[in-house]
Each structure stands twice: as C-alpha cells, then as structure tokens.
Amino acid sequence: MQAKQLNLVPLYVTLLAMSATAIFAIVAKSSGLVLNVTGSMPGTVYKLGHGEKGSLTSFCSPIPHPSIGHGACPDGSLPLIKRVVGVAGDRVTATDHGVEINGQPVPNSKPLDLATKGQALPHVRGIFVLKQGEIWTAGEHPNSFDSRYFGFVKFPMSDRHNRTRKSSSDFVED
C-alpha cells in the first residue's frame, strides 16, 4: 500500500503571507506609517509626523473612555490618530463654543456632551499656553475624541504607540 502524500502548498502559501505581513508591519512602523482600522479618519494608512503643526500623531488616550475601541494601549483601548493643531508657544482657548488656537477657530471643535453611542464626554475649558513638549490635537470630524475632551498631550514620548502618551490638563466632567 502506498502512503498518501500531503499537499503542503496551502501551508507554504500561508507562511509566506504571514512573513510578508510581518515584514510590511516592521517596515511600516520604522517609517512612521500607521494603519487606521476605525471610521474616525477618512483613510486607511497614514504617515505620522514629528509633532509639527498640521502633522498626524498617534497616541494612547490619556483618559479612558468607552467610545474608544479595543486595542493595544495599556488600558486595552486603540491608539488615537489625530492632527496636531497646537504646538509650543501657541495659545489655546477651549470653551463650550469650541477651540481657538492663537485666536483662530479650529473647525469642528465645539465639544459634544455625548459620544455617538450615548456616553457622557468630559470637557476641557480654559486658556492654555502650550509649553515645549506639549501639543493640542484635533480630529477630522465633529465626533472625534480629541484634545477638547482631555487637553494637551505630551510630545514626544518613547512609548510603543509612537509619538505621544500623557495629557496633563485638568478636565471638567459634565
């Protein structure tokens, strides 16, 4: 009786695909590329900046909130991807009407009371002059969970979710 030979082609194809994915992930990470798996930004792959105004940054939320999906941050949430709208020396005014940077209104920055799934959102209010190593972030749409809810973010940090980590702003829970 002749032994039946196994077809190893599917295994080889799977191993090759996994290897290619791992290599792509390593190259992308070292190049500052991130993959967006949520509907919060209008694209899929983004190139992160280095904290300059107008660039994108990725960081773990400084405060927990149930509106953030599950991911690899220390609290189990997804890293946020936001645009840097304020940097060192900028004067940020955060009110119930929205955010201004150096007197210029930030689009879509009026704080909402509730997230899209009905959870209460904290609000940051006050006037802040950003110091070296602090940035103010904003999302691309009015429902974004950004600095109007948790304040400025420290930049840069050496955590594994790239460029930023902690916020030091006080916030008012509504």
N, C-alpha and C. Protein backbone atom coordinates (compact mmCIF):
# COMPACT_ATOMS: atom_id res chain seq x y z
N MET A 1 0.85 -1.17 0.00
CA MET A 1 0.00 0.00 0.00
C MET A 1 0.90 1.24 0.00
N GLN A 2 0.53 2.21 -0.83
CA GLN A 2 1.34 3.40 -0.98
C GLN A 2 0.85 4.48 0.00
N ALA A 3 1.82 5.17 0.64
CA ALA A 3 1.47 6.24 1.58
C ALA A 3 0.94 7.45 0.81
N LYS A 4 -0.06 8.09 1.37
CA LYS A 4 -0.64 9.28 0.73
C LYS A 4 0.25 10.48 1.03
N GLN A 5 0.59 11.25 0.01
CA GLN A 5 1.46 12.40 0.18
C GLN A 5 0.61 13.63 0.52
N LEU A 6 1.05 14.40 1.52
CA LEU A 6 0.33 15.59 1.93
C LEU A 6 0.60 16.73 0.96
N ASN A 7 -0.42 17.51 0.72
CA ASN A 7 -0.28 18.71 -0.09
C ASN A 7 0.10 19.85 0.84
N LEU A 8 1.36 20.28 0.79
CA LEU A 8 1.86 21.32 1.69
C LEU A 8 1.78 22.72 1.08
N VAL A 9 1.29 22.84 -0.12
CA VAL A 9 1.21 24.15 -0.78
C VAL A 9 0.40 25.15 0.05
N PRO A 10 -0.79 24.82 0.55
CA PRO A 10 -1.54 25.81 1.36
C PRO A 10 -0.75 26.26 2.59
N LEU A 11 -0.03 25.36 3.22
CA LEU A 11 0.79 25.73 4.38
C LEU A 11 1.89 26.69 3.97
N TYR A 12 2.57 26.40 2.87
CA TYR A 12 3.64 27.27 2.39
C TYR A 12 3.11 28.66 2.01
N VAL A 13 1.97 28.70 1.37
CA VAL A 13 1.37 29.98 0.98
C VAL A 13 1.00 30.78 2.23
N THR A 14 0.43 30.12 3.22
CA THR A 14 0.07 30.79 4.48
C THR A 14 1.31 31.34 5.18
N LEU A 15 2.37 30.54 5.27
CA LEU A 15 3.61 31.00 5.91
C LEU A 15 4.22 32.17 5.15
N LEU A 16 4.20 32.12 3.83
CA LEU A 16 4.71 33.21 3.02
C LEU A 16 3.91 34.49 3.25
N ALA A 17 2.59 34.39 3.30
CA ALA A 17 1.73 35.56 3.53
C ALA A 17 1.97 36.15 4.92
N MET A 18 2.11 35.29 5.91
CA MET A 18 2.36 35.77 7.28
C MET A 18 3.73 36.45 7.35
N SER A 19 4.72 35.90 6.71
CA SER A 19 6.06 36.51 6.70
C SER A 19 6.04 37.87 6.01
N ALA A 20 5.35 37.95 4.87
CA ALA A 20 5.25 39.22 4.15
C ALA A 20 4.53 40.27 5.00
N THR A 21 3.48 39.86 5.70
CA THR A 21 2.74 40.78 6.57
C THR A 21 3.63 41.28 7.70
N ALA A 22 4.39 40.40 8.31
CA ALA A 22 5.30 40.79 9.40
C ALA A 22 6.36 41.75 8.91
N ILE A 23 6.94 41.46 7.75
CA ILE A 23 7.97 42.36 7.19
C ILE A 23 7.36 43.72 6.88
N PHE A 24 6.16 43.74 6.28
CA PHE A 24 5.50 45.01 5.99
C PHE A 24 5.25 45.80 7.27
N ALA A 25 4.78 45.12 8.32
CA ALA A 25 4.50 45.80 9.60
C ALA A 25 5.76 46.41 10.19
N ILE A 26 6.86 45.70 10.12
CA ILE A 26 8.13 46.21 10.68
C ILE A 26 8.59 47.42 9.87
N VAL A 27 8.56 47.31 8.55
CA VAL A 27 8.98 48.43 7.70
C VAL A 27 8.06 49.62 7.89
N ALA A 28 6.75 49.39 7.94
CA ALA A 28 5.79 50.48 8.13
C ALA A 28 6.02 51.19 9.45
N LYS A 29 6.20 50.44 10.52
CA LYS A 29 6.41 51.03 11.84
C LYS A 29 7.67 51.88 11.86
N SER A 30 8.75 51.37 11.28
CA SER A 30 10.00 52.12 11.29
C SER A 30 9.92 53.35 10.38
N SER A 31 8.98 53.37 9.44
CA SER A 31 8.80 54.51 8.54
C SER A 31 7.78 55.51 9.06
N GLY A 32 7.18 55.23 10.21
CA GLY A 32 6.18 56.14 10.77
C GLY A 32 4.80 55.97 10.16
N LEU A 33 4.53 54.83 9.55
CA LEU A 33 3.21 54.58 8.98
C LEU A 33 2.34 53.86 9.99
N VAL A 34 1.06 54.24 10.04
CA VAL A 34 0.11 53.55 10.90
C VAL A 34 -1.10 53.15 10.08
N LEU A 35 -1.73 52.10 10.52
CA LEU A 35 -2.93 51.59 9.87
C LEU A 35 -4.13 51.99 10.71
N ASN A 36 -5.10 52.64 10.08
CA ASN A 36 -6.32 53.03 10.77
C ASN A 36 -7.39 51.98 10.51
N VAL A 37 -7.91 51.39 11.59
CA VAL A 37 -8.93 50.34 11.45
C VAL A 37 -10.31 50.83 11.91
N THR A 38 -10.45 52.14 12.08
CA THR A 38 -11.72 52.70 12.53
C THR A 38 -12.27 53.64 11.46
N GLY A 39 -13.48 54.10 11.66
CA GLY A 39 -14.09 55.07 10.76
C GLY A 39 -13.81 56.51 11.16
N SER A 40 -12.90 56.73 12.11
CA SER A 40 -12.68 58.08 12.63
C SER A 40 -11.84 58.97 11.72
N MET A 41 -11.13 58.38 10.79
CA MET A 41 -10.31 59.15 9.84
C MET A 41 -10.73 58.70 8.44
N PRO A 42 -10.60 59.58 7.45
CA PRO A 42 -11.11 59.26 6.12
C PRO A 42 -10.23 58.35 5.27
N GLY A 43 -9.21 57.74 5.81
CA GLY A 43 -8.34 56.86 5.03
C GLY A 43 -7.95 55.63 5.81
N THR A 44 -6.96 54.92 5.32
CA THR A 44 -6.54 53.68 5.96
C THR A 44 -5.11 53.72 6.47
N VAL A 45 -4.16 54.16 5.65
CA VAL A 45 -2.76 54.20 6.05
C VAL A 45 -2.32 55.66 6.14
N TYR A 46 -1.64 56.00 7.23
CA TYR A 46 -1.21 57.37 7.47
C TYR A 46 0.26 57.43 7.80
N LYS A 47 0.91 58.50 7.37
CA LYS A 47 2.29 58.78 7.72
C LYS A 47 2.26 59.75 8.89
N LEU A 48 2.89 59.37 9.99
CA LEU A 48 2.92 60.22 11.17
C LEU A 48 4.03 61.25 11.05
N GLY A 49 3.78 62.41 11.63
CA GLY A 49 4.78 63.47 11.66
C GLY A 49 5.62 63.38 12.92
N HIS A 50 6.27 64.49 13.22
CA HIS A 50 7.15 64.55 14.39
C HIS A 50 6.69 65.64 15.34
N GLY A 51 5.37 65.86 15.40
CA GLY A 51 4.81 66.83 16.33
C GLY A 51 4.68 68.22 15.76
N GLU A 52 4.97 68.42 14.48
CA GLU A 52 4.83 69.74 13.89
C GLU A 52 3.36 70.01 13.60
N LYS A 53 2.99 71.29 13.62
CA LYS A 53 1.61 71.69 13.37
C LYS A 53 1.17 71.19 12.00
N GLY A 54 -0.02 70.59 11.96
CA GLY A 54 -0.56 70.06 10.73
C GLY A 54 -0.25 68.59 10.49
N SER A 55 0.71 68.04 11.24
CA SER A 55 1.06 66.63 11.06
C SER A 55 0.10 65.74 11.83
N LEU A 56 0.16 64.46 11.54
CA LEU A 56 -0.62 63.48 12.28
C LEU A 56 0.23 62.86 13.36
N THR A 57 -0.41 62.49 14.45
CA THR A 57 0.27 61.82 15.55
C THR A 57 -0.61 60.68 16.03
N SER A 58 0.01 59.71 16.66
CA SER A 58 -0.71 58.57 17.21
C SER A 58 -0.32 58.43 18.67
N PHE A 59 -1.30 58.19 19.53
CA PHE A 59 -1.02 58.09 20.96
C PHE A 59 -2.15 57.35 21.65
N CYS A 60 -1.85 56.84 22.82
CA CYS A 60 -2.89 56.22 23.66
C CYS A 60 -3.62 57.33 24.40
N SER A 61 -4.92 57.23 24.48
CA SER A 61 -5.71 58.26 25.14
C SER A 61 -5.25 58.45 26.57
N PRO A 62 -5.07 59.71 26.98
CA PRO A 62 -4.66 59.96 28.36
C PRO A 62 -5.75 59.70 29.39
N ILE A 63 -6.99 59.61 28.93
CA ILE A 63 -8.08 59.27 29.83
C ILE A 63 -8.90 58.15 29.19
N PRO A 64 -9.40 57.22 30.00
CA PRO A 64 -10.22 56.15 29.42
C PRO A 64 -11.58 56.69 29.01
N HIS A 65 -12.12 56.12 27.94
CA HIS A 65 -13.49 56.44 27.56
C HIS A 65 -14.06 55.27 26.78
N PRO A 66 -15.30 54.88 27.07
CA PRO A 66 -15.89 53.71 26.40
C PRO A 66 -16.09 53.87 24.90
N SER A 67 -15.98 55.09 24.38
CA SER A 67 -16.16 55.28 22.94
C SER A 67 -14.95 54.83 22.13
N ILE A 68 -13.83 54.59 22.80
CA ILE A 68 -12.61 54.16 22.11
C ILE A 68 -12.64 52.64 21.99
N GLY A 69 -12.32 52.16 20.81
CA GLY A 69 -12.32 50.71 20.56
C GLY A 69 -11.23 49.98 21.33
N HIS A 70 -11.27 48.66 21.27
CA HIS A 70 -10.29 47.82 21.96
C HIS A 70 -9.03 47.68 21.12
N GLY A 71 -7.86 47.78 21.78
CA GLY A 71 -6.60 47.69 21.06
C GLY A 71 -5.42 47.46 21.98
N ALA A 72 -4.27 47.93 21.56
CA ALA A 72 -3.00 47.57 22.20
C ALA A 72 -2.49 48.59 23.22
N CYS A 73 -3.27 49.59 23.57
CA CYS A 73 -2.82 50.55 24.59
C CYS A 73 -2.85 49.88 25.97
N PRO A 74 -2.10 50.41 26.93
CA PRO A 74 -2.05 49.79 28.27
C PRO A 74 -3.41 49.59 28.92
N ASP A 75 -4.39 50.47 28.61
CA ASP A 75 -5.72 50.31 29.19
C ASP A 75 -6.63 49.44 28.32
N GLY A 76 -6.08 48.86 27.25
CA GLY A 76 -6.85 47.99 26.38
C GLY A 76 -7.57 48.70 25.25
N SER A 77 -7.34 50.02 25.09
CA SER A 77 -8.00 50.78 24.03
C SER A 77 -7.10 50.90 22.80
N LEU A 78 -7.71 51.34 21.71
CA LEU A 78 -6.96 51.59 20.47
C LEU A 78 -6.18 52.89 20.58
N PRO A 79 -4.99 52.97 19.98
CA PRO A 79 -4.31 54.26 19.89
C PRO A 79 -5.14 55.22 19.03
N LEU A 80 -5.11 56.50 19.38
CA LEU A 80 -5.81 57.52 18.63
C LEU A 80 -4.89 58.07 17.54
N ILE A 81 -5.45 58.47 16.41
CA ILE A 81 -4.71 59.15 15.35
C ILE A 81 -5.36 60.52 15.21
N LYS A 82 -4.59 61.57 15.46
CA LYS A 82 -5.14 62.94 15.43
C LYS A 82 -4.17 63.88 14.73
N ARG A 83 -4.72 65.01 14.29
CA ARG A 83 -3.91 66.06 13.68
C ARG A 83 -3.41 67.00 14.78
N VAL A 84 -2.16 67.43 14.68
CA VAL A 84 -1.58 68.40 15.61
C VAL A 84 -2.02 69.79 15.15
N VAL A 85 -2.76 70.50 16.02
CA VAL A 85 -3.23 71.85 15.68
C VAL A 85 -2.59 72.92 16.55
N GLY A 86 -1.95 72.52 17.64
CA GLY A 86 -1.28 73.47 18.51
C GLY A 86 0.05 72.92 18.97
N VAL A 87 1.07 73.81 19.01
CA VAL A 87 2.42 73.41 19.43
C VAL A 87 2.95 74.44 20.44
N ALA A 88 4.16 74.21 20.92
CA ALA A 88 4.77 75.09 21.93
C ALA A 88 4.66 76.56 21.53
N GLY A 89 4.21 77.38 22.49
CA GLY A 89 4.05 78.81 22.26
C GLY A 89 2.66 79.21 21.82
N ASP A 90 1.87 78.26 21.34
CA ASP A 90 0.51 78.57 20.91
C ASP A 90 -0.39 78.78 22.12
N ARG A 91 -1.33 79.71 21.96
CA ARG A 91 -2.33 79.99 22.99
C ARG A 91 -3.62 79.28 22.59
N VAL A 92 -4.06 78.35 23.43
CA VAL A 92 -5.26 77.56 23.17
C VAL A 92 -6.37 78.06 24.08
N THR A 93 -7.51 78.39 23.50
CA THR A 93 -8.68 78.78 24.28
C THR A 93 -9.75 77.73 24.02
N ALA A 94 -10.16 77.04 25.07
CA ALA A 94 -11.17 75.98 24.97
C ALA A 94 -12.41 76.42 25.75
N THR A 95 -13.53 76.54 25.04
CA THR A 95 -14.79 76.95 25.66
C THR A 95 -15.90 76.00 25.22
N ASP A 96 -17.10 76.25 25.71
CA ASP A 96 -18.25 75.46 25.29
C ASP A 96 -18.60 75.70 23.82
N HIS A 97 -18.04 76.75 23.22
CA HIS A 97 -18.31 77.08 21.82
C HIS A 97 -17.28 76.48 20.87
N GLY A 98 -16.17 75.99 21.40
CA GLY A 98 -15.15 75.40 20.55
C GLY A 98 -13.75 75.79 21.00
N VAL A 99 -12.79 75.45 20.17
CA VAL A 99 -11.37 75.69 20.47
C VAL A 99 -10.82 76.71 19.50
N GLU A 100 -10.00 77.61 20.03
CA GLU A 100 -9.26 78.55 19.19
C GLU A 100 -7.78 78.37 19.47
N ILE A 101 -6.98 78.44 18.42
CA ILE A 101 -5.52 78.42 18.55
C ILE A 101 -5.04 79.78 18.09
N ASN A 102 -4.44 80.54 18.99
CA ASN A 102 -3.96 81.89 18.68
C ASN A 102 -5.07 82.75 18.06
N GLY A 103 -6.28 82.60 18.59
CA GLY A 103 -7.42 83.40 18.13
C GLY A 103 -8.12 82.86 16.89
N GLN A 104 -7.58 81.80 16.29
CA GLN A 104 -8.19 81.23 15.08
C GLN A 104 -9.02 80.00 15.46
N PRO A 105 -10.30 79.96 15.08
CA PRO A 105 -11.13 78.81 15.44
C PRO A 105 -10.66 77.52 14.77
N VAL A 106 -10.72 76.43 15.51
CA VAL A 106 -10.42 75.11 14.98
C VAL A 106 -11.73 74.52 14.47
N PRO A 107 -11.78 74.12 13.19
CA PRO A 107 -13.02 73.57 12.66
C PRO A 107 -13.52 72.35 13.45
N ASN A 108 -14.81 72.23 13.57
CA ASN A 108 -15.46 71.07 14.22
C ASN A 108 -15.01 70.86 15.66
N SER A 109 -14.72 71.93 16.38
CA SER A 109 -14.16 71.76 17.73
C SER A 109 -15.14 72.06 18.86
N LYS A 110 -16.39 72.36 18.55
CA LYS A 110 -17.37 72.56 19.62
C LYS A 110 -17.54 71.24 20.35
N PRO A 111 -17.30 71.22 21.66
CA PRO A 111 -17.41 69.95 22.38
C PRO A 111 -18.84 69.44 22.43
N LEU A 112 -18.97 68.15 22.28
CA LEU A 112 -20.27 67.49 22.36
C LEU A 112 -20.48 67.01 23.79
N ASP A 113 -21.71 66.89 24.20
CA ASP A 113 -22.00 66.39 25.54
C ASP A 113 -21.97 64.86 25.59
N LEU A 114 -22.35 64.24 24.45
CA LEU A 114 -22.44 62.78 24.41
C LEU A 114 -21.68 62.24 23.20
N ALA A 115 -21.05 61.08 23.37
CA ALA A 115 -20.43 60.37 22.25
C ALA A 115 -21.53 59.77 21.39
N THR A 116 -21.16 59.24 20.23
CA THR A 116 -22.17 58.71 19.30
C THR A 116 -22.98 57.57 19.90
N LYS A 117 -22.43 56.84 20.87
CA LYS A 117 -23.18 55.74 21.49
C LYS A 117 -23.84 56.17 22.80
N GLY A 118 -23.88 57.49 23.05
CA GLY A 118 -24.60 58.00 24.20
C GLY A 118 -23.82 58.17 25.48
N GLN A 119 -22.51 57.88 25.48
CA GLN A 119 -21.71 58.05 26.70
C GLN A 119 -21.39 59.53 26.91
N ALA A 120 -21.41 59.95 28.18
CA ALA A 120 -21.07 61.33 28.51
C ALA A 120 -19.60 61.60 28.19
N LEU A 121 -19.34 62.80 27.68
CA LEU A 121 -17.97 63.21 27.36
C LEU A 121 -17.49 64.28 28.32
N PRO A 122 -16.23 64.20 28.79
CA PRO A 122 -15.68 65.28 29.60
C PRO A 122 -15.39 66.48 28.71
N HIS A 123 -15.27 67.67 29.28
CA HIS A 123 -14.93 68.86 28.51
C HIS A 123 -13.73 69.54 29.16
N VAL A 124 -12.81 70.01 28.36
CA VAL A 124 -11.71 70.84 28.84
C VAL A 124 -12.09 72.28 28.56
N ARG A 125 -11.95 73.12 29.57
CA ARG A 125 -12.21 74.55 29.41
C ARG A 125 -11.04 75.32 29.98
N GLY A 126 -10.73 76.43 29.34
CA GLY A 126 -9.68 77.28 29.86
C GLY A 126 -8.79 77.83 28.77
N ILE A 127 -7.78 78.57 29.22
CA ILE A 127 -6.79 79.14 28.31
C ILE A 127 -5.46 78.50 28.68
N PHE A 128 -4.78 77.96 27.68
CA PHE A 128 -3.51 77.26 27.88
C PHE A 128 -2.48 77.83 26.92
N VAL A 129 -1.30 78.12 27.41
CA VAL A 129 -0.18 78.43 26.54
C VAL A 129 0.68 77.17 26.54
N LEU A 130 0.78 76.55 25.38
CA LEU A 130 1.48 75.27 25.29
C LEU A 130 2.98 75.46 25.50
N LYS A 131 3.53 74.59 26.31
CA LYS A 131 4.96 74.62 26.61
C LYS A 131 5.69 73.66 25.68
N GLN A 132 7.01 73.74 25.70
CA GLN A 132 7.82 72.81 24.92
C GLN A 132 7.43 71.37 25.27
N GLY A 133 7.20 70.55 24.28
CA GLY A 133 6.83 69.16 24.52
C GLY A 133 5.33 68.93 24.68
N GLU A 134 4.51 69.96 24.47
CA GLU A 134 3.05 69.82 24.56
C GLU A 134 2.43 70.12 23.19
N ILE A 135 1.44 69.33 22.84
CA ILE A 135 0.69 69.57 21.59
C ILE A 135 -0.80 69.52 21.88
N TRP A 136 -1.57 70.16 21.03
CA TRP A 136 -3.03 70.11 21.09
C TRP A 136 -3.47 69.38 19.83
N THR A 137 -4.38 68.42 19.98
CA THR A 137 -4.79 67.60 18.85
C THR A 137 -6.26 67.84 18.50
N ALA A 138 -6.59 67.58 17.24
CA ALA A 138 -7.97 67.68 16.79
C ALA A 138 -8.23 66.57 15.78
N GLY A 139 -9.46 66.10 15.78
CA GLY A 139 -9.86 65.08 14.82
C GLY A 139 -10.31 65.71 13.52
N GLU A 140 -10.67 64.86 12.59
CA GLU A 140 -11.08 65.31 11.26
C GLU A 140 -12.58 65.56 11.15
N HIS A 141 -13.32 65.26 12.20
CA HIS A 141 -14.78 65.45 12.15
C HIS A 141 -15.29 65.82 13.54
N PRO A 142 -16.53 66.32 13.64
CA PRO A 142 -17.04 66.80 14.93
C PRO A 142 -17.18 65.74 16.01
N ASN A 143 -17.26 64.46 15.65
CA ASN A 143 -17.43 63.40 16.65
C ASN A 143 -16.11 62.83 17.15
N SER A 144 -15.00 63.43 16.79
CA SER A 144 -13.69 62.91 17.17
C SER A 144 -13.43 63.07 18.67
N PHE A 145 -12.79 62.08 19.26
CA PHE A 145 -12.37 62.15 20.67
C PHE A 145 -10.95 62.72 20.67
N ASP A 146 -10.82 64.02 20.98
CA ASP A 146 -9.54 64.71 20.83
C ASP A 146 -9.28 65.63 22.02
N SER A 147 -8.33 66.57 21.87
CA SER A 147 -7.88 67.39 22.99
C SER A 147 -8.97 68.23 23.63
N ARG A 148 -10.06 68.51 22.95
CA ARG A 148 -11.14 69.27 23.60
C ARG A 148 -11.76 68.49 24.75
N TYR A 149 -11.49 67.17 24.80
CA TYR A 149 -12.00 66.33 25.88
C TYR A 149 -10.95 65.94 26.90
N PHE A 150 -9.66 65.97 26.55
CA PHE A 150 -8.62 65.56 27.51
C PHE A 150 -7.45 66.53 27.62
N GLY A 151 -7.46 67.61 26.86
CA GLY A 151 -6.41 68.63 26.99
C GLY A 151 -5.19 68.33 26.16
N PHE A 152 -4.10 69.04 26.48
CA PHE A 152 -2.89 68.87 25.69
C PHE A 152 -2.26 67.51 25.95
N VAL A 153 -1.41 67.11 25.03
CA VAL A 153 -0.75 65.81 25.10
C VAL A 153 0.75 66.06 25.12
N LYS A 154 1.47 65.33 25.94
CA LYS A 154 2.94 65.42 25.98
C LYS A 154 3.53 64.80 24.73
N PHE A 155 4.54 65.48 24.16
CA PHE A 155 5.17 65.01 22.92
C PHE A 155 6.64 65.33 22.97
N PRO A 156 7.55 64.54 22.54
CA PRO A 156 7.38 63.13 22.20
C PRO A 156 7.56 62.27 23.44
N MET A 157 7.05 61.11 23.36
CA MET A 157 7.25 60.11 24.41
C MET A 157 7.79 58.87 23.74
N SER A 158 8.41 58.01 24.49
CA SER A 158 9.02 56.83 23.88
C SER A 158 8.19 55.59 24.11
N ASP A 159 6.89 55.73 24.23
CA ASP A 159 6.08 54.53 24.38
C ASP A 159 5.94 53.82 23.04
N ARG A 160 5.40 52.64 23.07
CA ARG A 160 5.36 51.85 21.85
C ARG A 160 4.24 52.26 20.90
N HIS A 161 3.40 53.20 21.31
CA HIS A 161 2.36 53.66 20.38
C HIS A 161 2.75 54.99 19.82
N ASN A 162 3.97 55.05 19.51
CA ASN A 162 4.64 56.03 18.71
C ASN A 162 4.86 57.32 19.44
N ARG A 163 4.23 58.36 19.07
CA ARG A 163 4.77 59.68 19.31
C ARG A 163 4.35 60.34 20.63
N THR A 164 3.22 59.99 21.21
CA THR A 164 2.76 60.72 22.38
C THR A 164 2.14 59.79 23.40
N ARG A 165 1.96 60.29 24.62
CA ARG A 165 1.38 59.43 25.64
C ARG A 165 0.46 60.14 26.60
N LYS A 166 0.90 61.05 27.37
CA LYS A 166 0.14 61.56 28.51
C LYS A 166 -0.43 62.95 28.29
N SER A 167 -1.52 63.23 28.95
CA SER A 167 -2.08 64.57 28.99
C SER A 167 -1.99 65.06 30.42
N SER A 168 -1.77 66.35 30.58
CA SER A 168 -1.67 66.90 31.92
C SER A 168 -2.77 67.90 32.21
N SER A 169 -3.70 68.07 31.30
CA SER A 169 -4.77 69.04 31.51
C SER A 169 -5.80 68.51 32.48
N ASP A 170 -6.32 69.42 33.27
CA ASP A 170 -7.49 69.05 34.08
C ASP A 170 -8.70 69.13 33.16
N PHE A 171 -9.71 68.38 33.47
CA PHE A 171 -10.93 68.45 32.68
C PHE A 171 -12.12 68.49 33.60
N VAL A 172 -13.20 69.02 33.06
CA VAL A 172 -14.43 69.14 33.83
C VAL A 172 -15.40 68.10 33.30
N GLU A 173 -15.87 67.24 34.16
CA GLU A 173 -16.83 66.21 33.77
C GLU A 173 -18.21 66.85 33.80
N ASP A 174 -18.94 66.74 32.70
CA ASP A 174 -20.31 67.28 32.66
C ASP A 174 -21.32 66.22 32.96
